[in-house]
Amino acid sequence: MDVLRLDDQLTDEERMVRDTVRAFVAEKITPHVGDWFEAGTFPSRELGPELGKLGVLGMHLQGYGCAGMSAVAYGVACRELEAADSGLRSFVSVQGSLAMAAIYKYGSEEQKQEWLPRMAAGEAIGCFGLTEPDRGSDPGDMLTRAHRDGSDWVLNGAKMWITNGSIADVAVVWAKTDEGIRGFVVPAGTPGFTASDIHKKISLRASITSELVLDDVRLPADAVLPDVTGLKGPLGCLSEARYGILWGVVGAGRSCYEAAVEYAKTREQFGKPIGSFQLTQEKLAWMEIALGQAGLTALHIGRLKDEGKVTPQQVSFGKMANVRAALDTARQARTILGANGITLEYPVIRHMNNLESVLTYEGTQEIHTLVLGQAITGIPAYR
């Protein structure tokens, strides 16, 4: 149903990634994810090593057991993962593009050797502590603090909406210090560090979301990420994660679209399939166009990234445009399925609810609007 035949533009290696991840998802995830969503659970411990064997954890990083594949190959993997569920892609994104990427980009060689091989294998799970209970879009105003006590660091504060938080073996936590914002590698089990799950979610239910609390957490001097100070550290990681999102949501939208097409061809009203009615065909045509444009955007930004030319503004463009395209597609698909569209027998309402979260995490639509506004006018309008 890809009228533009975008996957013809993929290399043989990228198509191999597509087929391998798609087969894994079909066997291991799709038959169960509706039940996980309904139960509000995600078998991270069981799936972690399998995703490690698949090679998707930190797959765009070089060395330390990582696959070292292209940005486009990573994007294609994210697309196929999120075609199953945004929670699955979130798990992979947080592991590879946030926690692992922070250690890879800014960590010491000792930190890399200690954590990255195990995280690439899925034997250790990571999380990324930036967002706070009252500090979302303005992370520079964070309240979490770290101060020196002799040669140690002592951290106090809280982080909110942290994917993988309660199951993580290690957290990358960002805190204000006298010298600016710094990142810290915090192993689970460190005294004073606790994580509790957030319940009663209606979105991203097949994903573990937690609050982290740091109460006089004492860390050795070598726990700090040595190679970055300031917001450029966490924002650099967020740009990596947003890149995965702009690919991933194309998969979520595609899943909804395919369900709508199949339903329209088999559901009969007034003596014929509803897909034969002009209004239904108009909906499907606009869904095809939206996903085609989103796919083109993802592929173009991916090629720029592989050439070392991508900018944060381009990533914001892709995240903002593609999430909106996927969410609009999900909503349209829901109307085609009618009452059946609200059941977990079909993937549409699950994707639609998930995409409501994807719309606002890793930068809200409003923040990405201001990123593009500044790129267009040269004038920042955040305050």
Protein backbone atom coordinates (compact mmCIF):
# COMPACT_ATOMS: atom_id res chain seq x y z
CA MET A 1 0.00 0.00 0.00
CA ASP A 2 3.05 2.26 -0.27
CA VAL A 3 2.12 4.18 -3.42
CA LEU A 4 5.44 6.06 -3.44
CA ARG A 5 7.42 2.81 -2.98
CA LEU A 6 9.74 4.53 -0.54
CA ASP A 7 11.42 1.32 0.57
CA ASP A 8 12.83 0.99 -2.96
CA GLN A 9 15.20 3.77 -1.85
CA LEU A 10 16.64 1.63 0.95
CA THR A 11 19.94 -0.19 0.60
CA ASP A 12 20.12 -3.97 0.82
CA GLU A 13 21.41 -3.67 4.40
CA GLU A 14 18.54 -1.35 5.37
CA ARG A 15 16.00 -3.74 3.85
CA MET A 16 17.62 -6.58 5.77
CA VAL A 17 17.12 -4.61 8.99
CA ARG A 18 13.51 -3.95 8.01
CA ASP A 19 12.76 -7.61 7.34
CA THR A 20 14.58 -8.89 10.42
CA VAL A 21 12.89 -6.50 12.85
CA ARG A 22 9.51 -6.95 11.17
CA ALA A 23 9.75 -10.73 11.55
CA PHE A 24 10.79 -10.41 15.21
CA VAL A 25 7.86 -8.09 15.91
CA ALA A 26 5.38 -10.37 14.16
CA GLU A 27 6.51 -13.37 16.19
CA LYS A 28 7.34 -11.92 19.60
CA ILE A 29 5.35 -8.69 20.03
CA THR A 30 2.22 -8.31 17.92
CA PRO A 31 0.40 -11.40 19.25
CA HIS A 32 0.81 -10.20 22.85
CA VAL A 33 1.05 -6.42 22.90
CA GLY A 34 -2.70 -5.81 23.15
CA ASP A 35 -2.77 -7.91 26.31
CA TRP A 36 0.27 -6.07 27.71
CA PHE A 37 -1.44 -2.76 26.97
CA GLU A 38 -4.65 -3.87 28.67
CA ALA A 39 -2.76 -5.18 31.70
CA GLY A 40 -0.47 -2.14 31.87
CA THR A 41 2.72 -4.17 31.76
CA PHE A 42 5.77 -4.74 29.58
CA PRO A 43 8.11 -7.75 29.92
CA SER A 44 11.31 -5.72 29.76
CA ARG A 45 13.53 -8.27 31.46
CA GLU A 46 12.48 -11.02 29.09
CA LEU A 47 12.61 -8.90 25.94
CA GLY A 48 15.83 -7.03 26.75
CA PRO A 49 18.20 -9.90 25.89
CA GLU A 50 16.15 -10.77 22.80
CA LEU A 51 16.35 -7.18 21.57
CA GLY A 52 20.06 -7.31 22.33
CA LYS A 53 20.46 -10.41 20.15
CA LEU A 54 18.45 -8.64 17.46
CA GLY A 55 21.07 -5.88 17.55
CA VAL A 56 18.75 -2.89 17.96
CA LEU A 57 19.99 -1.63 21.35
CA GLY A 58 22.38 1.21 20.61
CA MET A 59 22.57 -0.08 17.04
CA HIS A 60 23.70 3.31 15.69
CA LEU A 61 26.68 3.46 18.09
CA GLN A 62 30.14 2.16 17.26
CA GLY A 63 32.01 -0.43 19.31
CA TYR A 64 31.31 -1.73 22.83
CA GLY A 65 29.12 -4.51 21.41
CA CYS A 66 26.96 -2.10 19.39
CA ALA A 67 26.05 -2.84 15.79
CA GLY A 68 27.41 0.43 14.36
CA MET A 69 24.74 0.67 11.68
CA SER A 70 23.60 3.70 9.70
CA ALA A 71 21.12 6.29 10.91
CA VAL A 72 18.65 5.19 8.24
CA ALA A 73 18.97 1.54 9.29
CA TYR A 74 18.27 2.59 12.89
CA GLY A 75 15.31 4.64 11.71
CA VAL A 76 13.88 1.71 9.77
CA ALA A 77 14.22 -0.44 12.90
CA CYS A 78 12.34 2.19 14.93
CA ARG A 79 9.60 2.25 12.29
CA GLU A 80 9.11 -1.50 12.48
CA LEU A 81 9.24 -1.53 16.29
CA GLU A 82 6.64 1.21 16.64
CA ALA A 83 4.39 -0.50 14.11
CA ALA A 84 3.91 -2.94 16.99
CA ASP A 85 3.65 -0.37 19.79
CA SER A 86 5.14 2.96 20.81
CA GLY A 87 6.09 1.42 24.15
CA LEU A 88 8.42 -1.04 22.44
CA ARG A 89 10.13 1.68 20.43
CA SER A 90 10.32 3.84 23.57
CA PHE A 91 12.13 1.05 25.39
CA VAL A 92 14.68 0.78 22.58
CA SER A 93 15.00 4.58 22.21
CA VAL A 94 15.56 5.23 25.90
CA GLN A 95 18.06 2.41 26.13
CA GLY A 96 20.07 3.31 23.02
CA SER A 97 19.48 6.96 22.16
CA LEU A 98 19.29 8.37 25.69
CA ALA A 99 21.00 6.25 28.36
CA MET A 100 23.60 4.54 26.16
CA ALA A 101 24.14 7.60 23.96
CA ALA A 102 24.82 9.79 27.00
CA ILE A 103 27.50 7.41 28.25
CA TYR A 104 28.87 6.91 24.73
CA LYS A 105 29.09 10.64 23.93
CA TYR A 106 30.05 12.10 27.28
CA GLY A 107 31.26 9.27 29.51
CA SER A 108 34.72 8.16 30.52
CA GLU A 109 36.29 5.09 28.98
CA GLU A 110 35.74 3.28 32.26
CA GLN A 111 32.02 4.14 32.23
CA LYS A 112 31.72 2.99 28.62
CA GLN A 113 33.45 -0.31 29.30
CA GLU A 114 31.40 -0.93 32.41
CA TRP A 115 27.95 -0.28 30.97
CA LEU A 116 27.74 -0.20 27.17
CA PRO A 117 28.48 -3.86 26.33
CA ARG A 118 25.91 -5.09 28.85
CA MET A 119 23.35 -2.54 27.72
CA ALA A 120 23.87 -3.43 24.05
CA ALA A 121 23.24 -7.07 24.95
CA GLY A 122 20.10 -6.18 26.90
CA GLU A 123 21.63 -7.60 30.06
CA ALA A 124 21.51 -4.19 31.77
CA ILE A 125 18.67 -1.72 31.33
CA GLY A 126 19.11 2.05 31.47
CA CYS A 127 16.93 5.08 32.00
CA PHE A 128 17.41 8.82 31.52
CA GLY A 129 16.48 11.24 34.28
CA LEU A 130 15.89 14.76 32.96
CA THR A 131 12.18 15.68 33.24
CA GLU A 132 10.99 16.73 36.70
CA PRO A 133 7.52 16.81 38.27
CA ASP A 134 7.18 20.56 37.63
CA ARG A 135 9.87 21.04 35.00
CA GLY A 136 9.14 19.65 31.55
CA SER A 137 9.77 21.95 28.62
CA ASP A 138 12.21 24.11 30.61
CA PRO A 139 14.82 21.60 31.83
CA GLY A 140 17.33 24.37 32.47
CA ASP A 141 15.19 25.34 35.46
CA MET A 142 15.55 21.90 37.06
CA LEU A 143 15.48 21.64 40.83
CA THR A 144 17.64 18.53 41.19
CA ARG A 145 20.99 19.52 42.70
CA ALA A 146 24.39 17.91 43.07
CA HIS A 147 27.11 19.25 45.34
CA ARG A 148 30.59 18.08 46.19
CA ASP A 149 31.31 16.59 49.59
CA GLY A 150 35.01 15.88 49.69
CA SER A 151 35.73 13.80 46.62
CA ASP A 152 32.11 12.54 46.42
CA TRP A 153 29.00 13.99 44.82
CA VAL A 154 25.68 14.15 46.70
CA LEU A 155 22.45 14.37 44.69
CA ASN A 156 18.99 15.49 45.80
CA GLY A 157 15.84 15.88 43.73
CA ALA A 158 13.20 14.03 41.76
CA LYS A 159 12.59 13.07 38.14
CA MET A 160 9.20 12.25 36.59
CA TRP A 161 7.83 10.35 33.58
CA ILE A 162 10.98 8.25 33.29
CA THR A 163 10.68 5.29 30.91
CA ASN A 164 12.26 2.10 32.31
CA GLY A 165 12.84 3.86 35.64
CA SER A 166 11.86 1.13 38.09
CA ILE A 167 13.46 -1.69 36.10
CA ALA A 168 16.69 0.10 35.23
CA ASP A 169 20.06 -1.16 36.35
CA VAL A 170 21.53 2.29 35.78
CA ALA A 171 20.14 5.80 35.50
CA VAL A 172 21.74 8.76 33.76
CA VAL A 173 20.58 11.64 35.95
CA TRP A 174 21.04 15.32 35.16
CA ALA A 175 21.48 17.79 38.01
CA LYS A 176 22.52 21.39 38.61
CA THR A 177 25.95 21.92 40.11
CA ASP A 178 28.01 25.01 40.90
CA GLU A 179 29.70 24.59 37.53
CA GLY A 180 26.52 24.03 35.52
CA ILE A 181 24.28 21.09 34.62
CA ARG A 182 26.12 17.76 34.81
CA GLY A 183 25.18 14.18 34.09
CA PHE A 184 25.71 11.38 36.62
CA VAL A 185 25.76 7.61 36.24
CA VAL A 186 23.65 6.27 39.09
CA PRO A 187 23.55 2.46 39.56
CA ALA A 188 20.28 1.02 40.83
CA GLY A 189 20.54 0.11 44.48
CA THR A 190 22.59 3.17 45.40
CA PRO A 191 21.41 4.24 48.88
CA GLY A 192 18.89 7.08 48.68
CA PHE A 193 17.91 6.29 45.06
CA THR A 194 14.37 4.94 44.62
CA ALA A 195 12.02 4.47 41.68
CA SER A 196 8.26 3.92 41.76
CA ASP A 197 5.93 3.25 38.84
CA ILE A 198 3.26 5.65 37.61
CA HIS A 199 -0.11 3.91 37.31
CA LYS A 200 -3.56 4.66 35.84
CA LYS A 201 -2.12 5.61 32.45
CA ILE A 202 -4.42 5.45 29.43
CA SER A 203 -1.51 5.89 27.02
CA LEU A 204 1.78 3.98 26.68
CA ARG A 205 0.40 1.26 28.92
CA ALA A 206 2.78 -1.32 27.45
CA SER A 207 5.68 0.66 28.86
CA ILE A 208 7.17 1.14 32.32
CA THR A 209 6.98 4.79 33.42
CA SER A 210 8.41 5.87 36.77
CA GLU A 211 9.28 8.62 39.21
CA LEU A 212 12.87 8.74 40.46
CA VAL A 213 13.68 10.16 43.89
CA LEU A 214 17.22 11.07 44.95
CA ASP A 215 17.60 11.61 48.69
CA ASP A 216 21.21 12.36 49.61
CA VAL A 217 22.45 9.95 46.95
CA ARG A 218 26.21 9.74 47.43
CA LEU A 219 28.30 8.94 44.36
CA PRO A 220 32.05 8.69 43.84
CA ALA A 221 33.89 11.35 41.87
CA ASP A 222 34.05 9.14 38.79
CA ALA A 223 30.24 8.89 38.56
CA VAL A 224 30.00 12.22 36.73
CA LEU A 225 30.02 12.25 32.92
CA PRO A 226 33.33 14.05 32.34
CA ASP A 227 32.96 15.32 28.79
CA VAL A 228 30.00 17.69 28.94
CA THR A 229 28.70 20.57 31.06
CA GLY A 230 25.45 22.43 30.44
CA LEU A 231 22.16 21.70 28.70
CA LYS A 232 23.91 20.72 25.47
CA GLY A 233 24.51 17.33 27.12
CA PRO A 234 20.91 16.21 27.66
CA LEU A 235 19.63 18.12 24.63
CA GLY A 236 22.13 16.33 22.42
CA CYS A 237 20.74 13.01 23.62
CA LEU A 238 17.16 14.20 23.15
CA SER A 239 17.91 15.03 19.53
CA GLU A 240 19.01 11.40 19.04
CA ALA A 241 15.79 10.14 20.59
CA ARG A 242 13.63 12.52 18.56
CA TYR A 243 15.25 11.18 15.43
CA GLY A 244 14.06 7.69 16.33
CA ILE A 245 10.58 9.05 16.99
CA LEU A 246 10.22 10.72 13.59
CA TRP A 247 10.79 7.30 12.02
CA GLY A 248 8.88 5.29 14.60
CA VAL A 249 5.58 7.11 14.29
CA VAL A 250 5.49 6.30 10.57
CA GLY A 251 5.22 2.66 11.67
CA ALA A 252 2.42 3.40 14.14
CA GLY A 253 0.53 5.30 11.45
CA ARG A 254 1.11 2.52 8.95
CA SER A 255 -0.34 -0.05 11.33
CA CYS A 256 -3.51 2.01 11.71
CA TYR A 257 -3.73 2.61 7.97
CA GLU A 258 -3.33 -1.07 7.10
CA ALA A 259 -6.03 -2.00 9.62
CA ALA A 260 -8.36 0.60 8.10
CA VAL A 261 -7.74 -0.57 4.52
CA GLU A 262 -8.37 -4.22 5.39
CA TYR A 263 -11.49 -3.33 7.34
CA ALA A 264 -12.82 -1.10 4.53
CA LYS A 265 -12.44 -3.94 2.03
CA THR A 266 -14.31 -6.49 4.15
CA ARG A 267 -16.88 -4.53 6.19
CA GLU A 268 -20.18 -4.29 4.27
CA GLN A 269 -22.90 -1.67 4.61
CA PHE A 270 -25.76 -0.93 2.21
CA GLY A 271 -24.92 -4.12 0.36
CA LYS A 272 -21.26 -3.47 -0.46
CA PRO A 273 -17.85 -2.94 1.21
CA ILE A 274 -17.46 0.47 2.82
CA GLY A 275 -14.21 0.82 0.88
CA SER A 276 -16.31 1.29 -2.25
CA PHE A 277 -17.79 4.54 -0.92
CA GLN A 278 -16.17 7.79 -2.01
CA LEU A 279 -15.96 9.27 1.48
CA THR A 280 -14.06 6.23 2.75
CA GLN A 281 -11.71 6.31 -0.21
CA GLU A 282 -11.05 10.01 0.42
CA LYS A 283 -10.03 9.21 4.01
CA LEU A 284 -7.72 6.44 2.84
CA ALA A 285 -6.19 8.67 0.17
CA TRP A 286 -5.32 11.39 2.67
CA MET A 287 -3.89 8.80 5.05
CA GLU A 288 -1.69 7.45 2.25
CA ILE A 289 -0.51 10.98 1.44
CA ALA A 290 0.20 11.84 5.07
CA LEU A 291 2.25 8.69 5.62
CA GLY A 292 4.03 9.07 2.30
CA GLN A 293 5.08 12.60 3.18
CA ALA A 294 6.15 11.48 6.66
CA GLY A 295 8.18 8.66 5.18
CA LEU A 296 9.90 11.01 2.76
CA THR A 297 10.72 13.37 5.62
CA ALA A 298 12.16 10.55 7.72
CA LEU A 299 14.27 9.19 4.87
CA HIS A 300 15.62 12.62 3.92
CA ILE A 301 16.56 13.50 7.50
CA GLY A 302 18.11 10.05 7.90
CA ARG A 303 20.30 10.53 4.84
CA LEU A 304 21.35 13.96 6.12
CA LYS A 305 22.23 12.39 9.47
CA ASP A 306 24.35 9.73 7.80
CA GLU A 307 26.17 12.50 5.90
CA GLY A 308 26.82 14.39 9.14
CA LYS A 309 24.69 17.32 7.98
CA VAL A 310 21.54 17.04 10.09
CA THR A 311 20.58 19.93 12.41
CA PRO A 312 18.41 19.95 15.55
CA GLN A 313 15.95 22.17 13.66
CA GLN A 314 15.54 19.49 10.99
CA VAL A 315 14.93 16.87 13.65
CA SER A 316 12.30 19.16 15.23
CA PHE A 317 10.68 19.53 11.79
CA GLY A 318 10.48 15.75 11.46
CA LYS A 319 9.27 15.07 14.98
CA MET A 320 6.57 17.73 14.81
CA ALA A 321 5.33 16.92 11.30
CA ASN A 322 5.47 13.15 11.50
CA VAL A 323 3.82 12.74 14.90
CA ARG A 324 0.97 14.92 13.73
CA ALA A 325 0.65 12.93 10.50
CA ALA A 326 0.58 9.64 12.41
CA LEU A 327 -1.94 10.89 14.97
CA ASP A 328 -4.23 12.25 12.26
CA THR A 329 -3.97 8.92 10.46
CA ALA A 330 -4.86 7.00 13.62
CA ARG A 331 -7.89 9.21 14.24
CA GLN A 332 -9.11 8.78 10.67
CA ALA A 333 -8.59 5.03 10.84
CA ARG A 334 -10.67 4.94 14.01
CA THR A 335 -13.62 6.50 12.16
CA ILE A 336 -13.43 3.87 9.41
CA LEU A 337 -13.51 1.06 11.95
CA GLY A 338 -16.44 2.64 13.77
CA ALA A 339 -17.25 1.00 17.10
CA ASN A 340 -14.75 -1.78 16.39
CA GLY A 341 -12.07 0.90 16.37
CA ILE A 342 -12.23 1.34 20.14
CA THR A 343 -11.44 -2.30 20.95
CA LEU A 344 -8.03 -3.86 21.42
CA GLU A 345 -8.98 -6.47 18.83
CA TYR A 346 -7.58 -3.92 16.39
CA PRO A 347 -4.41 -1.86 16.93
CA VAL A 348 -5.92 1.54 16.14
CA ILE A 349 -7.13 2.85 19.51
CA ARG A 350 -3.94 1.60 21.17
CA HIS A 351 -1.76 3.47 18.68
CA MET A 352 -4.02 6.52 18.87
CA ASN A 353 -3.72 6.69 22.66
CA ASN A 354 0.03 6.09 22.51
CA LEU A 355 0.55 8.84 19.95
CA GLU A 356 -1.11 11.33 22.28
CA SER A 357 1.91 10.80 24.55
CA VAL A 358 4.42 10.81 21.70
CA LEU A 359 2.98 14.18 20.67
CA THR A 360 4.19 15.74 23.92
CA TYR A 361 7.24 13.75 25.03
CA GLU A 362 10.75 14.49 23.78
CA GLY A 363 9.58 18.05 23.19
CA THR A 364 5.97 19.14 22.88
CA GLN A 365 4.51 20.30 19.60
CA GLU A 366 4.62 23.83 21.02
CA ILE A 367 8.35 23.63 21.76
CA HIS A 368 9.15 22.30 18.29
CA THR A 369 7.00 25.10 16.85
CA LEU A 370 9.25 27.61 18.64
CA VAL A 371 12.40 25.81 17.46
CA LEU A 372 11.20 26.20 13.89
CA GLY A 373 9.99 29.74 14.56
CA GLN A 374 13.46 30.73 15.70
CA ALA A 375 15.01 29.02 12.67
CA ILE A 376 12.67 30.99 10.41
CA THR A 377 12.90 34.42 12.07
CA GLY A 378 16.15 34.31 14.01
CA ILE A 379 14.18 35.39 17.10
CA PRO A 380 13.81 33.07 20.14
CA ALA A 381 10.31 33.20 21.62
CA TYR A 382 10.52 30.78 24.54
CA ARG A 383 10.01 33.37 27.26
